[in-house]
Structures are given as structure tokens and as C-alpha cells.
Amino acid sequence: MSFNFDRRTFLKGAGAVGAASLLAACGEKSNNTGNGAAASGAAAPNSTGATPPEGVHLL
């Protein structure tokens, strides 16, 4: 089976791939649910109750 790719077919395919990647990038949702408190230096609450392992020092 032989495929005949000409310039027009290539540009159609490249346009379709570009449009799909653009839509995929625009559809991503951010996992950043913070309100900027951590960036301002305020400590974030520990909602899980987990403690760090022995020897790990968090600043």
C-alpha cells in the first residue's frame, strides 16, 4: 500500500496536529488551589496530620 503525500496533505496534517495540541494545552487545569499564602511567607496548614521522617528538617 502506497501513500502519496503532497504539500497540501502535509500542511493539513500539520494543522490538525497543531490544533489538537493547542486545544489540549488550553484544556489543562491547574492543581494550584492555594491563595498565595505560601508564596507570601505564611505557613501552610498541615491538613493530612502527617509528620516528616526523622532527620528531615522543614524550613
PDB file of N, CA and C in Angstrom:
ATOM      1  N   MET A   1       0.850  -1.168   0.000  1.00  0.00           N
ATOM      2  CA  MET A   1       0.000   0.000   0.000  1.00  0.00           C
ATOM      3  C   MET A   1       0.900   1.237   0.000  1.00  0.00           C
ATOM      4  N   SER A   2       0.611   2.143  -0.866  1.00  0.00           N
ATOM      5  CA  SER A   2       1.437   3.331  -1.016  1.00  0.00           C
ATOM      6  C   SER A   2       0.625   4.585  -0.721  1.00  0.00           C
ATOM      7  N   PHE A   3       1.227   5.484   0.056  1.00  0.00           N
ATOM      8  CA  PHE A   3       0.579   6.759   0.369  1.00  0.00           C
ATOM      9  C   PHE A   3       1.279   7.857  -0.407  1.00  0.00           C
ATOM     10  N   ASN A   4       0.489   8.719  -1.019  1.00  0.00           N
ATOM     11  CA  ASN A   4       1.040   9.815  -1.795  1.00  0.00           C
ATOM     12  C   ASN A   4       0.880  11.091  -0.973  1.00  0.00           C
ATOM     13  N   PHE A   5       1.973  11.558  -0.380  1.00  0.00           N
ATOM     14  CA  PHE A   5       1.944  12.775   0.413  1.00  0.00           C
ATOM     15  C   PHE A   5       2.428  13.937  -0.430  1.00  0.00           C
ATOM     16  N   ASP A   6       1.564  14.875  -0.639  1.00  0.00           N
ATOM     17  CA  ASP A   6       1.990  16.087  -1.292  1.00  0.00           C
ATOM     18  C   ASP A   6       2.011  17.213  -0.263  1.00  0.00           C
ATOM     19  N   ARG A   7       2.357  18.384  -0.699  1.00  0.00           N
ATOM     20  CA  ARG A   7       2.498  19.519   0.222  1.00  0.00           C
ATOM     21  C   ARG A   7       1.176  19.856   0.910  1.00  0.00           C
ATOM     22  N   ARG A   8       0.086  19.804   0.185  1.00  0.00           N
ATOM     23  CA  ARG A   8      -1.220  20.135   0.742  1.00  0.00           C
ATOM     24  C   ARG A   8      -1.628  19.129   1.828  1.00  0.00           C
ATOM     25  N   THR A   9      -1.397  17.846   1.592  1.00  0.00           N
ATOM     26  CA  THR A   9      -1.722  16.819   2.582  1.00  0.00           C
ATOM     27  C   THR A   9      -0.879  17.002   3.843  1.00  0.00           C
ATOM     28  N   PHE A  10       0.400  17.297   3.659  1.00  0.00           N
ATOM     29  CA  PHE A  10       1.278  17.517   4.805  1.00  0.00           C
ATOM     30  C   PHE A  10       0.819  18.716   5.626  1.00  0.00           C
ATOM     31  N   LEU A  11       0.463  19.814   4.964  1.00  0.00           N
ATOM     32  CA  LEU A  11       0.035  21.004   5.690  1.00  0.00           C
ATOM     33  C   LEU A  11      -1.300  20.780   6.407  1.00  0.00           C
ATOM     34  N   LYS A  12      -2.193  20.015   5.828  1.00  0.00           N
ATOM     35  CA  LYS A  12      -3.453  19.683   6.504  1.00  0.00           C
ATOM     36  C   LYS A  12      -3.178  18.882   7.777  1.00  0.00           C
ATOM     37  N   GLY A  13      -2.289  17.900   7.671  1.00  0.00           N
ATOM     38  CA  GLY A  13      -1.950  17.084   8.838  1.00  0.00           C
ATOM     39  C   GLY A  13      -1.245  17.891   9.912  1.00  0.00           C
ATOM     40  N   ALA A  14      -0.331  18.767   9.491  1.00  0.00           N
ATOM     41  CA  ALA A  14       0.388  19.601  10.458  1.00  0.00           C
ATOM     42  C   ALA A  14      -0.570  20.561  11.148  1.00  0.00           C
ATOM     43  N   GLY A  15      -1.532  21.087  10.416  1.00  0.00           N
ATOM     44  CA  GLY A  15      -2.531  21.970  11.013  1.00  0.00           C
ATOM     45  C   GLY A  15      -3.416  21.239  12.007  1.00  0.00           C
ATOM     46  N   ALA A  16      -3.777  20.017  11.690  1.00  0.00           N
ATOM     47  CA  ALA A  16      -4.616  19.225  12.594  1.00  0.00           C
ATOM     48  C   ALA A  16      -3.865  18.896  13.879  1.00  0.00           C
ATOM     49  N   VAL A  17      -2.599  18.529  13.752  1.00  0.00           N
ATOM     50  CA  VAL A  17      -1.788  18.232  14.937  1.00  0.00           C
ATOM     51  C   VAL A  17      -1.590  19.488  15.781  1.00  0.00           C
ATOM     52  N   GLY A  18      -1.339  20.609  15.139  1.00  0.00           N
ATOM     53  CA  GLY A  18      -1.162  21.867  15.866  1.00  0.00           C
ATOM     54  C   GLY A  18      -2.423  22.286  16.593  1.00  0.00           C
ATOM     55  N   ALA A  19      -3.577  22.137  15.935  1.00  0.00           N
ATOM     56  CA  ALA A  19      -4.848  22.496  16.574  1.00  0.00           C
ATOM     57  C   ALA A  19      -5.149  21.582  17.752  1.00  0.00           C
ATOM     58  N   ALA A  20      -4.862  20.300  17.606  1.00  0.00           N
ATOM     59  CA  ALA A  20      -5.109  19.357  18.696  1.00  0.00           C
ATOM     60  C   ALA A  20      -4.212  19.656  19.894  1.00  0.00           C
ATOM     61  N   SER A  21      -2.955  19.990  19.639  1.00  0.00           N
ATOM     62  CA  SER A  21      -2.052  20.288  20.756  1.00  0.00           C
ATOM     63  C   SER A  21      -2.438  21.601  21.429  1.00  0.00           C
ATOM     64  N   LEU A  22      -2.916  22.559  20.657  1.00  0.00           N
ATOM     65  CA  LEU A  22      -3.361  23.825  21.240  1.00  0.00           C
ATOM     66  C   LEU A  22      -4.583  23.603  22.130  1.00  0.00           C
ATOM     67  N   LEU A  23      -5.530  22.807  21.663  1.00  0.00           N
ATOM     68  CA  LEU A  23      -6.720  22.524  22.461  1.00  0.00           C
ATOM     69  C   LEU A  23      -6.373  21.733  23.721  1.00  0.00           C
ATOM     70  N   ALA A  24      -5.417  20.818  23.607  1.00  0.00           N
ATOM     71  CA  ALA A  24      -5.015  20.034  24.774  1.00  0.00           C
ATOM     72  C   ALA A  24      -4.335  20.926  25.806  1.00  0.00           C
ATOM     73  N   ALA A  25      -3.528  21.873  25.361  1.00  0.00           N
ATOM     74  CA  ALA A  25      -2.836  22.764  26.291  1.00  0.00           C
ATOM     75  C   ALA A  25      -3.814  23.721  26.962  1.00  0.00           C
ATOM     76  N   CYS A  26      -4.816  24.152  26.258  1.00  0.00           N
ATOM     77  CA  CYS A  26      -5.793  25.079  26.827  1.00  0.00           C
ATOM     78  C   CYS A  26      -6.754  24.376  27.777  1.00  0.00           C
ATOM     79  N   GLY A  27      -6.890  23.068  27.638  1.00  0.00           N
ATOM     80  CA  GLY A  27      -7.832  22.329  28.463  1.00  0.00           C
ATOM     81  C   GLY A  27      -7.265  21.872  29.785  1.00  0.00           C
ATOM     82  N   GLU A  28      -5.965  22.036  30.027  1.00  0.00           N
ATOM     83  CA  GLU A  28      -5.377  21.574  31.285  1.00  0.00           C
ATOM     84  C   GLU A  28      -5.840  22.437  32.439  1.00  0.00           C
ATOM     85  N   LYS A  29      -6.073  21.794  33.580  1.00  0.00           N
ATOM     86  CA  LYS A  29      -6.468  22.526  34.769  1.00  0.00           C
ATOM     87  C   LYS A  29      -5.299  22.540  35.742  1.00  0.00           C
ATOM     88  N   SER A  30      -5.163  23.635  36.431  1.00  0.00           N
ATOM     89  CA  SER A  30      -4.087  23.797  37.388  1.00  0.00           C
ATOM     90  C   SER A  30      -4.457  23.126  38.703  1.00  0.00           C
ATOM     91  N   ASN A  31      -3.479  22.486  39.340  1.00  0.00           N
ATOM     92  CA  ASN A  31      -3.694  21.886  40.656  1.00  0.00           C
ATOM     93  C   ASN A  31      -3.384  22.879  41.764  1.00  0.00           C
ATOM     94  N   ASN A  32      -3.050  24.105  41.407  1.00  0.00           N
ATOM     95  CA  ASN A  32      -2.711  25.121  42.386  1.00  0.00           C
ATOM     96  C   ASN A  32      -3.996  25.696  42.974  1.00  0.00           C
ATOM     97  N   THR A  33      -4.370  25.205  44.161  1.00  0.00           N
ATOM     98  CA  THR A  33      -5.599  25.672  44.795  1.00  0.00           C
ATOM     99  C   THR A  33      -5.311  26.658  45.907  1.00  0.00           C
ATOM    100  N   GLY A  34      -4.037  26.982  46.121  1.00  0.00           N
ATOM    101  CA  GLY A  34      -3.673  27.921  47.181  1.00  0.00           C
ATOM    102  C   GLY A  34      -4.039  29.338  46.813  1.00  0.00           C
ATOM    103  N   ASN A  35      -4.102  30.185  47.828  1.00  0.00           N
ATOM    104  CA  ASN A  35      -4.453  31.579  47.579  1.00  0.00           C
ATOM    105  C   ASN A  35      -3.231  32.487  47.635  1.00  0.00           C
ATOM    106  N   GLY A  36      -2.051  31.906  47.512  1.00  0.00           N
ATOM    107  CA  GLY A  36      -0.836  32.708  47.514  1.00  0.00           C
ATOM    108  C   GLY A  36      -0.243  32.892  48.901  1.00  0.00           C
ATOM    109  N   ALA A  37      -0.815  32.278  49.923  1.00  0.00           N
ATOM    110  CA  ALA A  37      -0.304  32.448  51.280  1.00  0.00           C
ATOM    111  C   ALA A  37       1.088  31.835  51.416  1.00  0.00           C
ATOM    112  N   ALA A  38       1.324  30.708  50.764  1.00  0.00           N
ATOM    113  CA  ALA A  38       2.627  30.075  50.864  1.00  0.00           C
ATOM    114  C   ALA A  38       3.690  30.922  50.170  1.00  0.00           C
ATOM    115  N   ALA A  39       3.319  31.608  49.109  1.00  0.00           N
ATOM    116  CA  ALA A  39       4.281  32.442  48.397  1.00  0.00           C
ATOM    117  C   ALA A  39       4.610  33.696  49.199  1.00  0.00           C
ATOM    118  N   SER A  40       3.696  34.115  50.067  1.00  0.00           N
ATOM    119  CA  SER A  40       3.952  35.340  50.820  1.00  0.00           C
ATOM    120  C   SER A  40       4.729  35.079  52.102  1.00  0.00           C
ATOM    121  N   GLY A  41       5.006  33.829  52.407  1.00  0.00           N
ATOM    122  CA  GLY A  41       5.791  33.510  53.582  1.00  0.00           C
ATOM    123  C   GLY A  41       4.971  32.952  54.726  1.00  0.00           C
ATOM    124  N   ALA A  42       3.657  32.943  54.615  1.00  0.00           N
ATOM    125  CA  ALA A  42       2.827  32.368  55.666  1.00  0.00           C
ATOM    126  C   ALA A  42       2.903  30.845  55.594  1.00  0.00           C
ATOM    127  N   ALA A  43       2.851  30.199  56.725  1.00  0.00           N
ATOM    128  CA  ALA A  43       2.937  28.748  56.768  1.00  0.00           C
ATOM    129  C   ALA A  43       1.621  28.131  56.307  1.00  0.00           C
ATOM    130  N   ALA A  44       1.747  27.088  55.499  1.00  0.00           N
ATOM    131  CA  ALA A  44       0.561  26.371  55.035  1.00  0.00           C
ATOM    132  C   ALA A  44       0.134  25.378  56.115  1.00  0.00           C
ATOM    133  N   PRO A  45      -1.153  25.192  56.323  1.00  0.00           N
ATOM    134  CA  PRO A  45      -1.608  24.241  57.339  1.00  0.00           C
ATOM    135  C   PRO A  45      -1.340  22.806  56.910  1.00  0.00           C
ATOM    136  N   ASN A  46      -1.094  21.945  57.874  1.00  0.00           N
ATOM    137  CA  ASN A  46      -0.880  20.541  57.608  1.00  0.00           C
ATOM    138  C   ASN A  46      -2.218  19.841  57.739  1.00  0.00           C
ATOM    139  N   SER A  47      -2.901  19.657  56.625  1.00  0.00           N
ATOM    140  CA  SER A  47      -4.236  19.087  56.659  1.00  0.00           C
ATOM    141  C   SER A  47      -4.219  17.568  56.725  1.00  0.00           C
ATOM    142  N   THR A  48      -3.069  16.922  56.458  1.00  0.00           N
ATOM    143  CA  THR A  48      -3.015  15.468  56.463  1.00  0.00           C
ATOM    144  C   THR A  48      -2.662  14.906  57.833  1.00  0.00           C
ATOM    145  N   GLY A  49      -2.058  15.715  58.689  1.00  0.00           N
ATOM    146  CA  GLY A  49      -1.648  15.231  60.003  1.00  0.00           C
ATOM    147  C   GLY A  49      -0.355  14.437  59.958  1.00  0.00           C
ATOM    148  N   ALA A  50       0.262  14.317  58.797  1.00  0.00           N
ATOM    149  CA  ALA A  50       1.494  13.547  58.656  1.00  0.00           C
ATOM    150  C   ALA A  50       2.670  14.355  59.211  1.00  0.00           C
ATOM    151  N   THR A  51       3.621  13.647  59.767  1.00  0.00           N
ATOM    152  CA  THR A  51       4.835  14.289  60.247  1.00  0.00           C
ATOM    153  C   THR A  51       5.992  13.852  59.349  1.00  0.00           C
ATOM    154  N   PRO A  52       6.992  14.707  59.156  1.00  0.00           N
ATOM    155  CA  PRO A  52       8.117  14.332  58.308  1.00  0.00           C
ATOM    156  C   PRO A  52       8.958  13.229  58.961  1.00  0.00           C
ATOM    157  N   PRO A  53       9.673  12.436  58.172  1.00  0.00           N
ATOM    158  CA  PRO A  53      10.529  11.391  58.735  1.00  0.00           C
ATOM    159  C   PRO A  53      11.609  11.987  59.632  1.00  0.00           C
ATOM    160  N   GLU A  54      12.145  11.155  60.501  1.00  0.00           N
ATOM    161  CA  GLU A  54      13.204  11.559  61.419  1.00  0.00           C
ATOM    162  C   GLU A  54      14.404  12.045  60.623  1.00  0.00           C
ATOM    163  N   GLY A  55      14.948  13.175  60.966  1.00  0.00           N
ATOM    164  CA  GLY A  55      16.116  13.724  60.314  1.00  0.00           C
ATOM    165  C   GLY A  55      15.797  14.679  59.183  1.00  0.00           C
ATOM    166  N   VAL A  56      14.516  14.826  58.828  1.00  0.00           N
ATOM    167  CA  VAL A  56      14.126  15.759  57.774  1.00  0.00           C
ATOM    168  C   VAL A  56      13.720  17.058  58.430  1.00  0.00           C
ATOM    169  N   HIS A  57      14.356  18.149  58.046  1.00  0.00           N
ATOM    170  CA  HIS A  57      14.064  19.438  58.645  1.00  0.00           C
ATOM    171  C   HIS A  57      13.399  20.323  57.606  1.00  0.00           C
ATOM    172  N   LEU A  58      12.215  20.765  57.901  1.00  0.00           N
ATOM    173  CA  LEU A  58      11.497  21.649  57.014  1.00  0.00           C
ATOM    174  C   LEU A  58      11.695  23.075  57.489  1.00  0.00           C
ATOM    175  N   LEU A  59      11.994  23.959  56.579  1.00  0.00           N
ATOM    176  CA  LEU A  59      12.228  25.353  56.953  1.00  0.00           C
ATOM    177  C   LEU A  59      10.950  26.109  57.100  1.00  0.00           C
TER     178      LEU A  59
END
